[in-house]
Amino acid sequence: MVVPAEQAADVFPAVRYFQIHFEFLQEQIQLILQNHESLQLQMQQLESQLSRSAHGMRLDSKALSPIERLTTHRNATQDTDTPNLNLTGGR
């Protein structure tokens, strides 16, 4: 079935409709790529910190008991910017 151009405009959305949606999708793709790069950088930093921490633990582990190694490692890697959440409500 062939539809005349005048009637096709009534049946199909305007070109601007598709242009808006493609622009939106392009913006979303750019945001995803930026977030992906940021996450990759954070993963590299975390791997580096873990590697340094593990190396430091190997050097210190000769003189410490297993429990002391765990508590030392936990204190060394604890994030000081993370708030201490008291979930017990002061009980």
PDB file of N, CA and C in Angstrom:
ATOM      1  N   MET A   1       0.838  -1.179   0.000  1.00  0.00           N
ATOM      2  CA  MET A   1       0.000   0.000   0.000  1.00  0.00           C
ATOM      3  C   MET A   1       0.885   1.245   0.000  1.00  0.00           C
ATOM      4  N   VAL A   2       0.649   2.137  -0.905  1.00  0.00           N
ATOM      5  CA  VAL A   2       1.413   3.380  -1.028  1.00  0.00           C
ATOM      6  C   VAL A   2       0.566   4.502  -0.445  1.00  0.00           C
ATOM      7  N   VAL A   3       1.201   5.290   0.427  1.00  0.00           N
ATOM      8  CA  VAL A   3       0.501   6.400   1.079  1.00  0.00           C
ATOM      9  C   VAL A   3       1.066   7.702   0.527  1.00  0.00           C
ATOM     10  N   PRO A   4       0.217   8.618   0.113  1.00  0.00           N
ATOM     11  CA  PRO A   4       0.707   9.920  -0.373  1.00  0.00           C
ATOM     12  C   PRO A   4       1.445  10.674   0.737  1.00  0.00           C
ATOM     13  N   ALA A   5       2.377  11.529   0.369  1.00  0.00           N
ATOM     14  CA  ALA A   5       3.197  12.267   1.328  1.00  0.00           C
ATOM     15  C   ALA A   5       2.359  13.098   2.284  1.00  0.00           C
ATOM     16  N   GLU A   6       1.265  13.641   1.796  1.00  0.00           N
ATOM     17  CA  GLU A   6       0.415  14.471   2.667  1.00  0.00           C
ATOM     18  C   GLU A   6      -0.188  13.633   3.791  1.00  0.00           C
ATOM     19  N   GLN A   7      -0.598  12.424   3.492  1.00  0.00           N
ATOM     20  CA  GLN A   7      -1.186  11.545   4.504  1.00  0.00           C
ATOM     21  C   GLN A   7      -0.106  10.922   5.396  1.00  0.00           C
ATOM     22  N   ALA A   8       1.087  10.714   4.855  1.00  0.00           N
ATOM     23  CA  ALA A   8       2.172  10.116   5.636  1.00  0.00           C
ATOM     24  C   ALA A   8       2.536  11.004   6.824  1.00  0.00           C
ATOM     25  N   ALA A   9       2.456  12.307   6.642  1.00  0.00           N
ATOM     26  CA  ALA A   9       2.759  13.229   7.742  1.00  0.00           C
ATOM     27  C   ALA A   9       1.781  13.053   8.887  1.00  0.00           C
ATOM     28  N   ASP A  10       0.558  12.662   8.595  1.00  0.00           N
ATOM     29  CA  ASP A  10      -0.434  12.439   9.644  1.00  0.00           C
ATOM     30  C   ASP A  10      -0.209  11.107  10.358  1.00  0.00           C
ATOM     31  N   VAL A  11       0.352  10.143   9.651  1.00  0.00           N
ATOM     32  CA  VAL A  11       0.536   8.797  10.212  1.00  0.00           C
ATOM     33  C   VAL A  11       1.837   8.679  11.005  1.00  0.00           C
ATOM     34  N   PHE A  12       2.924   9.240  10.495  1.00  0.00           N
ATOM     35  CA  PHE A  12       4.232   9.108  11.129  1.00  0.00           C
ATOM     36  C   PHE A  12       4.586  10.365  11.910  1.00  0.00           C
ATOM     37  N   PRO A  13       5.298  10.196  13.038  1.00  0.00           N
ATOM     38  CA  PRO A  13       5.725  11.380  13.808  1.00  0.00           C
ATOM     39  C   PRO A  13       6.703  12.233  13.005  1.00  0.00           C
ATOM     40  N   ALA A  14       6.814  13.453  13.418  1.00  0.00           N
ATOM     41  CA  ALA A  14       7.711  14.396  12.744  1.00  0.00           C
ATOM     42  C   ALA A  14       9.166  13.999  12.954  1.00  0.00           C
ATOM     43  N   VAL A  15      10.014  14.460  12.062  1.00  0.00           N
ATOM     44  CA  VAL A  15      11.448  14.185  12.148  1.00  0.00           C
ATOM     45  C   VAL A  15      12.009  14.715  13.462  1.00  0.00           C
ATOM     46  N   ARG A  16      11.496  15.825  13.905  1.00  0.00           N
ATOM     47  CA  ARG A  16      11.968  16.436  15.167  1.00  0.00           C
ATOM     48  C   ARG A  16      11.768  15.480  16.343  1.00  0.00           C
ATOM     49  N   TYR A  17      10.723  14.686  16.337  1.00  0.00           N
ATOM     50  CA  TYR A  17      10.442  13.701  17.380  1.00  0.00           C
ATOM     51  C   TYR A  17      11.623  12.738  17.508  1.00  0.00           C
ATOM     52  N   PHE A  18      12.087  12.218  16.394  1.00  0.00           N
ATOM     53  CA  PHE A  18      13.199  11.274  16.408  1.00  0.00           C
ATOM     54  C   PHE A  18      14.510  11.963  16.769  1.00  0.00           C
ATOM     55  N   GLN A  19      14.687  13.176  16.283  1.00  0.00           N
ATOM     56  CA  GLN A  19      15.899  13.917  16.575  1.00  0.00           C
ATOM     57  C   GLN A  19      16.046  14.135  18.079  1.00  0.00           C
ATOM     58  N   ILE A  20      14.970  14.509  18.750  1.00  0.00           N
ATOM     59  CA  ILE A  20      14.998  14.735  20.196  1.00  0.00           C
ATOM     60  C   ILE A  20      15.383  13.456  20.922  1.00  0.00           C
ATOM     61  N   HIS A  21      14.790  12.343  20.538  1.00  0.00           N
ATOM     62  CA  HIS A  21      15.083  11.085  21.215  1.00  0.00           C
ATOM     63  C   HIS A  21      16.514  10.606  20.943  1.00  0.00           C
ATOM     64  N   PHE A  22      17.014  10.795  19.745  1.00  0.00           N
ATOM     65  CA  PHE A  22      18.391  10.413  19.453  1.00  0.00           C
ATOM     66  C   PHE A  22      19.378  11.290  20.222  1.00  0.00           C
ATOM     67  N   GLU A  23      19.086  12.574  20.351  1.00  0.00           N
ATOM     68  CA  GLU A  23      19.946  13.454  21.139  1.00  0.00           C
ATOM     69  C   GLU A  23      19.961  13.021  22.594  1.00  0.00           C
ATOM     70  N   PHE A  24      18.797  12.665  23.110  1.00  0.00           N
ATOM     71  CA  PHE A  24      18.712  12.186  24.496  1.00  0.00           C
ATOM     72  C   PHE A  24      19.539  10.915  24.670  1.00  0.00           C
ATOM     73  N   LEU A  25      19.428   9.988  23.739  1.00  0.00           N
ATOM     74  CA  LEU A  25      20.197   8.740  23.820  1.00  0.00           C
ATOM     75  C   LEU A  25      21.697   9.004  23.733  1.00  0.00           C
ATOM     76  N   GLN A  26      22.102   9.939  22.902  1.00  0.00           N
ATOM     77  CA  GLN A  26      23.517  10.284  22.807  1.00  0.00           C
ATOM     78  C   GLN A  26      24.027  10.858  24.127  1.00  0.00           C
ATOM     79  N   GLU A  27      23.230  11.708  24.770  1.00  0.00           N
ATOM     80  CA  GLU A  27      23.617  12.257  26.075  1.00  0.00           C
ATOM     81  C   GLU A  27      23.741  11.146  27.114  1.00  0.00           C
ATOM     82  N   GLN A  28      22.802  10.213  27.098  1.00  0.00           N
ATOM     83  CA  GLN A  28      22.848   9.091  28.042  1.00  0.00           C
ATOM     84  C   GLN A  28      24.083   8.227  27.813  1.00  0.00           C
ATOM     85  N   ILE A  29      24.424   7.986  26.570  1.00  0.00           N
ATOM     86  CA  ILE A  29      25.623   7.196  26.256  1.00  0.00           C
ATOM     87  C   ILE A  29      26.866   7.908  26.770  1.00  0.00           C
ATOM     88  N   GLN A  30      26.940   9.223  26.583  1.00  0.00           N
ATOM     89  CA  GLN A  30      28.100   9.972  27.078  1.00  0.00           C
ATOM     90  C   GLN A  30      28.201   9.887  28.592  1.00  0.00           C
ATOM     91  N   LEU A  31      27.076  10.004  29.286  1.00  0.00           N
ATOM     92  CA  LEU A  31      27.086   9.885  30.750  1.00  0.00           C
ATOM     93  C   LEU A  31      27.537   8.495  31.185  1.00  0.00           C
ATOM     94  N   ILE A  32      27.074   7.484  30.503  1.00  0.00           N
ATOM     95  CA  ILE A  32      27.470   6.112  30.826  1.00  0.00           C
ATOM     96  C   ILE A  32      28.975   5.936  30.621  1.00  0.00           C
ATOM     97  N   LEU A  33      29.499   6.456  29.528  1.00  0.00           N
ATOM     98  CA  LEU A  33      30.935   6.343  29.270  1.00  0.00           C
ATOM     99  C   LEU A  33      31.759   7.083  30.316  1.00  0.00           C
ATOM    100  N   GLN A  34      31.298   8.266  30.730  1.00  0.00           N
ATOM    101  CA  GLN A  34      32.002   9.018  31.767  1.00  0.00           C
ATOM    102  C   GLN A  34      31.977   8.254  33.087  1.00  0.00           C
ATOM    103  N   ASN A  35      30.811   7.698  33.437  1.00  0.00           N
ATOM    104  CA  ASN A  35      30.707   6.926  34.677  1.00  0.00           C
ATOM    105  C   ASN A  35      31.579   5.680  34.620  1.00  0.00           C
ATOM    106  N   HIS A  36      31.637   5.051  33.469  1.00  0.00           N
ATOM    107  CA  HIS A  36      32.462   3.866  33.293  1.00  0.00           C
ATOM    108  C   HIS A  36      33.941   4.196  33.502  1.00  0.00           C
ATOM    109  N   GLU A  37      34.395   5.301  32.918  1.00  0.00           N
ATOM    110  CA  GLU A  37      35.784   5.725  33.098  1.00  0.00           C
ATOM    111  C   GLU A  37      36.070   6.045  34.556  1.00  0.00           C
ATOM    112  N   SER A  38      35.144   6.709  35.208  1.00  0.00           N
ATOM    113  CA  SER A  38      35.309   7.042  36.621  1.00  0.00           C
ATOM    114  C   SER A  38      35.388   5.783  37.475  1.00  0.00           C
ATOM    115  N   LEU A  39      34.540   4.822  37.190  1.00  0.00           N
ATOM    116  CA  LEU A  39      34.563   3.567  37.945  1.00  0.00           C
ATOM    117  C   LEU A  39      35.856   2.800  37.701  1.00  0.00           C
ATOM    118  N   GLN A  40      36.356   2.823  36.478  1.00  0.00           N
ATOM    119  CA  GLN A  40      37.624   2.153  36.197  1.00  0.00           C
ATOM    120  C   GLN A  40      38.765   2.789  36.991  1.00  0.00           C
ATOM    121  N   LEU A  41      38.773   4.111  37.064  1.00  0.00           N
ATOM    122  CA  LEU A  41      39.792   4.815  37.832  1.00  0.00           C
ATOM    123  C   LEU A  41      39.683   4.467  39.317  1.00  0.00           C
ATOM    124  N   GLN A  42      38.466   4.441  39.838  1.00  0.00           N
ATOM    125  CA  GLN A  42      38.271   4.082  41.243  1.00  0.00           C
ATOM    126  C   GLN A  42      38.723   2.652  41.520  1.00  0.00           C
ATOM    127  N   MET A  43      38.471   1.746  40.583  1.00  0.00           N
ATOM    128  CA  MET A  43      38.901   0.360  40.746  1.00  0.00           C
ATOM    129  C   MET A  43      40.432   0.275  40.754  1.00  0.00           C
ATOM    130  N   GLN A  44      41.090   1.033  39.881  1.00  0.00           N
ATOM    131  CA  GLN A  44      42.551   1.039  39.867  1.00  0.00           C
ATOM    132  C   GLN A  44      43.102   1.556  41.186  1.00  0.00           C
ATOM    133  N   GLN A  45      42.490   2.621  41.715  1.00  0.00           N
ATOM    134  CA  GLN A  45      42.933   3.174  42.991  1.00  0.00           C
ATOM    135  C   GLN A  45      42.722   2.173  44.121  1.00  0.00           C
ATOM    136  N   LEU A  46      41.581   1.506  44.119  1.00  0.00           N
ATOM    137  CA  LEU A  46      41.300   0.512  45.149  1.00  0.00           C
ATOM    138  C   LEU A  46      42.285  -0.656  45.064  1.00  0.00           C
ATOM    139  N   GLU A  47      42.535  -1.140  43.863  1.00  0.00           N
ATOM    140  CA  GLU A  47      43.492  -2.230  43.691  1.00  0.00           C
ATOM    141  C   GLU A  47      44.876  -1.817  44.161  1.00  0.00           C
ATOM    142  N   SER A  48      45.251  -0.584  43.888  1.00  0.00           N
ATOM    143  CA  SER A  48      46.549  -0.081  44.331  1.00  0.00           C
ATOM    144  C   SER A  48      46.610  -0.020  45.859  1.00  0.00           C
ATOM    145  N   GLN A  49      45.543   0.484  46.484  1.00  0.00           N
ATOM    146  CA  GLN A  49      45.501   0.557  47.943  1.00  0.00           C
ATOM    147  C   GLN A  49      45.548  -0.834  48.556  1.00  0.00           C
ATOM    148  N   LEU A  50      44.802  -1.767  47.979  1.00  0.00           N
ATOM    149  CA  LEU A  50      44.802  -3.132  48.504  1.00  0.00           C
ATOM    150  C   LEU A  50      46.172  -3.778  48.343  1.00  0.00           C
ATOM    151  N   SER A  51      46.806  -3.515  47.223  1.00  0.00           N
ATOM    152  CA  SER A  51      48.139  -4.066  46.994  1.00  0.00           C
ATOM    153  C   SER A  51      49.135  -3.520  48.016  1.00  0.00           C
ATOM    154  N   ARG A  52      49.101  -2.195  48.240  1.00  0.00           N
ATOM    155  CA  ARG A  52      50.000  -1.588  49.230  1.00  0.00           C
ATOM    156  C   ARG A  52      49.692  -2.116  50.623  1.00  0.00           C
ATOM    157  N   SER A  53      48.412  -2.246  50.953  1.00  0.00           N
ATOM    158  CA  SER A  53      48.006  -2.731  52.266  1.00  0.00           C
ATOM    159  C   SER A  53      48.450  -4.174  52.466  1.00  0.00           C
ATOM    160  N   ALA A  54      48.275  -5.007  51.446  1.00  0.00           N
ATOM    161  CA  ALA A  54      48.684  -6.407  51.543  1.00  0.00           C
ATOM    162  C   ALA A  54      50.198  -6.504  51.673  1.00  0.00           C
ATOM    163  N   HIS A  55      50.922  -5.657  50.957  1.00  0.00           N
ATOM    164  CA  HIS A  55      52.379  -5.660  51.041  1.00  0.00           C
ATOM    165  C   HIS A  55      52.820  -5.248  52.451  1.00  0.00           C
ATOM    166  N   GLY A  56      52.180  -4.223  53.003  1.00  0.00           N
ATOM    167  CA  GLY A  56      52.492  -3.786  54.367  1.00  0.00           C
ATOM    168  C   GLY A  56      52.152  -4.849  55.393  1.00  0.00           C
ATOM    169  N   MET A  57      51.082  -5.550  55.176  1.00  0.00           N
ATOM    170  CA  MET A  57      50.707  -6.622  56.112  1.00  0.00           C
ATOM    171  C   MET A  57      51.725  -7.746  56.062  1.00  0.00           C
ATOM    172  N   ARG A  58      52.240  -8.069  54.874  1.00  0.00           N
ATOM    173  CA  ARG A  58      53.231  -9.129  54.761  1.00  0.00           C
ATOM    174  C   ARG A  58      54.493  -8.764  55.530  1.00  0.00           C
ATOM    175  N   LEU A  59      54.856  -7.489  55.480  1.00  0.00           N
ATOM    176  CA  LEU A  59      56.055  -7.063  56.198  1.00  0.00           C
ATOM    177  C   LEU A  59      55.837  -7.112  57.702  1.00  0.00           C
ATOM    178  N   ASP A  60      54.646  -6.712  58.165  1.00  0.00           N
ATOM    179  CA  ASP A  60      54.353  -6.654  59.587  1.00  0.00           C
ATOM    180  C   ASP A  60      53.881  -7.988  60.156  1.00  0.00           C
ATOM    181  N   SER A  61      53.466  -8.906  59.332  1.00  0.00           N
ATOM    182  CA  SER A  61      52.813 -10.116  59.819  1.00  0.00           C
ATOM    183  C   SER A  61      53.750 -11.048  60.566  1.00  0.00           C
ATOM    184  N   LYS A  62      55.038 -10.910  60.380  1.00  0.00           N
ATOM    185  CA  LYS A  62      55.974 -11.813  61.037  1.00  0.00           C
ATOM    186  C   LYS A  62      55.932 -11.650  62.549  1.00  0.00           C
ATOM    187  N   ALA A  63      55.687 -10.446  63.040  1.00  0.00           N
ATOM    188  CA  ALA A  63      55.728 -10.202  64.473  1.00  0.00           C
ATOM    189  C   ALA A  63      54.350 -10.198  65.129  1.00  0.00           C
ATOM    190  N   LEU A  64      53.261 -10.289  64.361  1.00  0.00           N
ATOM    191  CA  LEU A  64      51.912 -10.171  64.902  1.00  0.00           C
ATOM    192  C   LEU A  64      51.190 -11.504  64.874  1.00  0.00           C
ATOM    193  N   SER A  65      50.292 -11.675  65.842  1.00  0.00           N
ATOM    194  CA  SER A  65      49.435 -12.855  65.833  1.00  0.00           C
ATOM    195  C   SER A  65      48.353 -12.667  64.768  1.00  0.00           C
ATOM    196  N   PRO A  66      47.644 -13.735  64.378  1.00  0.00           N
ATOM    197  CA  PRO A  66      46.594 -13.587  63.358  1.00  0.00           C
ATOM    198  C   PRO A  66      45.524 -12.571  63.744  1.00  0.00           C
ATOM    199  N   ILE A  67      45.123 -12.545  64.995  1.00  0.00           N
ATOM    200  CA  ILE A  67      44.087 -11.580  65.425  1.00  0.00           C
ATOM    201  C   ILE A  67      44.634 -10.165  65.357  1.00  0.00           C
ATOM    202  N   GLU A  68      45.870  -9.978  65.767  1.00  0.00           N
ATOM    203  CA  GLU A  68      46.473  -8.647  65.693  1.00  0.00           C
ATOM    204  C   GLU A  68      46.599  -8.192  64.241  1.00  0.00           C
ATOM    205  N   ARG A  69      46.918  -9.121  63.332  1.00  0.00           N
ATOM    206  CA  ARG A  69      47.005  -8.771  61.920  1.00  0.00           C
ATOM    207  C   ARG A  69      45.665  -8.295  61.381  1.00  0.00           C
ATOM    208  N   LEU A  70      44.587  -8.984  61.777  1.00  0.00           N
ATOM    209  CA  LEU A  70      43.256  -8.587  61.299  1.00  0.00           C
ATOM    210  C   LEU A  70      42.874  -7.208  61.808  1.00  0.00           C
ATOM    211  N   THR A  71      43.077  -6.952  63.098  1.00  0.00           N
ATOM    212  CA  THR A  71      42.678  -5.652  63.646  1.00  0.00           C
ATOM    213  C   THR A  71      43.570  -4.544  63.116  1.00  0.00           C
ATOM    214  N   THR A  72      44.854  -4.806  62.916  1.00  0.00           N
ATOM    215  CA  THR A  72      45.754  -3.800  62.359  1.00  0.00           C
ATOM    216  C   THR A  72      45.365  -3.476  60.929  1.00  0.00           C
ATOM    217  N   HIS A  73      45.071  -4.521  60.146  1.00  0.00           N
ATOM    218  CA  HIS A  73      44.664  -4.319  58.755  1.00  0.00           C
ATOM    219  C   HIS A  73      43.357  -3.532  58.691  1.00  0.00           C
ATOM    220  N   ARG A  74      42.420  -3.852  59.554  1.00  0.00           N
ATOM    221  CA  ARG A  74      41.120  -3.158  59.546  1.00  0.00           C
ATOM    222  C   ARG A  74      41.308  -1.690  59.890  1.00  0.00           C
ATOM    223  N   ASN A  75      42.116  -1.387  60.889  1.00  0.00           N
ATOM    224  CA  ASN A  75      42.347   0.003  61.269  1.00  0.00           C
ATOM    225  C   ASN A  75      43.101   0.764  60.197  1.00  0.00           C
ATOM    226  N   ALA A  76      44.018   0.090  59.508  1.00  0.00           N
ATOM    227  CA  ALA A  76      44.816   0.756  58.477  1.00  0.00           C
ATOM    228  C   ALA A  76      43.993   1.067  57.243  1.00  0.00           C
ATOM    229  N   THR A  77      43.006   0.226  56.940  1.00  0.00           N
ATOM    230  CA  THR A  77      42.226   0.434  55.716  1.00  0.00           C
ATOM    231  C   THR A  77      40.902   1.124  55.968  1.00  0.00           C
ATOM    232  N   GLN A  78      40.573   1.415  57.211  1.00  0.00           N
ATOM    233  CA  GLN A  78      39.286   2.052  57.502  1.00  0.00           C
ATOM    234  C   GLN A  78      39.269   3.469  56.959  1.00  0.00           C
ATOM    235  N   ASP A  79      38.203   3.830  56.289  1.00  0.00           N
ATOM    236  CA  ASP A  79      38.060   5.144  55.666  1.00  0.00           C
ATOM    237  C   ASP A  79      37.680   6.149  56.741  1.00  0.00           C
ATOM    238  N   THR A  80      38.494   7.188  56.922  1.00  0.00           N
ATOM    239  CA  THR A  80      38.212   8.179  57.952  1.00  0.00           C
ATOM    240  C   THR A  80      37.074   9.102  57.568  1.00  0.00           C
ATOM    241  N   ASP A  81      36.735   9.171  56.272  1.00  0.00           N
ATOM    242  CA  ASP A  81      35.637  10.028  55.837  1.00  0.00           C
ATOM    243  C   ASP A  81      34.280   9.357  55.998  1.00  0.00           C
ATOM    244  N   THR A  82      34.273   8.058  56.224  1.00  0.00           N
ATOM    245  CA  THR A  82      33.012   7.336  56.364  1.00  0.00           C
ATOM    246  C   THR A  82      32.490   7.545  57.781  1.00  0.00           C
ATOM    247  N   PRO A  83      31.247   8.009  57.914  1.00  0.00           N
ATOM    248  CA  PRO A  83      30.717   8.225  59.258  1.00  0.00           C
ATOM    249  C   PRO A  83      30.494   6.905  59.974  1.00  0.00           C
ATOM    250  N   ASN A  84      30.649   6.944  61.295  1.00  0.00           N
ATOM    251  CA  ASN A  84      30.409   5.773  62.115  1.00  0.00           C
ATOM    252  C   ASN A  84      28.930   5.760  62.457  1.00  0.00           C
ATOM    253  N   LEU A  85      28.202   4.841  61.860  1.00  0.00           N
ATOM    254  CA  LEU A  85      26.758   4.771  62.055  1.00  0.00           C
ATOM    255  C   LEU A  85      26.464   3.892  63.247  1.00  0.00           C
ATOM    256  N   ASN A  86      25.825   4.458  64.249  1.00  0.00           N
ATOM    257  CA  ASN A  86      25.434   3.681  65.424  1.00  0.00           C
ATOM    258  C   ASN A  86      24.020   3.184  65.189  1.00  0.00           C
ATOM    259  N   LEU A  87      23.893   1.915  64.818  1.00  0.00           N
ATOM    260  CA  LEU A  87      22.601   1.359  64.476  1.00  0.00           C
ATOM    261  C   LEU A  87      21.856   0.807  65.683  1.00  0.00           C
ATOM    262  N   THR A  88      22.473   0.841  66.845  1.00  0.00           N
ATOM    263  CA  THR A  88      21.809   0.293  68.038  1.00  0.00           C
ATOM    264  C   THR A  88      20.957   1.343  68.735  1.00  0.00           C
ATOM    265  N   GLY A  89      21.021   2.570  68.332  1.00  0.00           N
ATOM    266  CA  GLY A  89      20.201   3.618  68.924  1.00  0.00           C
ATOM    267  C   GLY A  89      20.643   3.979  70.327  1.00  0.00           C
ATOM    268  N   GLY A  90      21.923   3.781  70.670  1.00  0.00           N
ATOM    269  CA  GLY A  90      22.441   4.171  71.978  1.00  0.00           C
ATOM    270  C   GLY A  90      22.196   3.131  73.047  1.00  0.00           C
ATOM    271  N   ARG A  91      21.739   1.962  72.683  1.00  0.00           N
ATOM    272  CA  ARG A  91      21.486   0.919  73.686  1.00  0.00           C
ATOM    273  C   ARG A  91      22.735   0.199  74.059  1.00  0.00           C
TER     274      ARG A  91
END
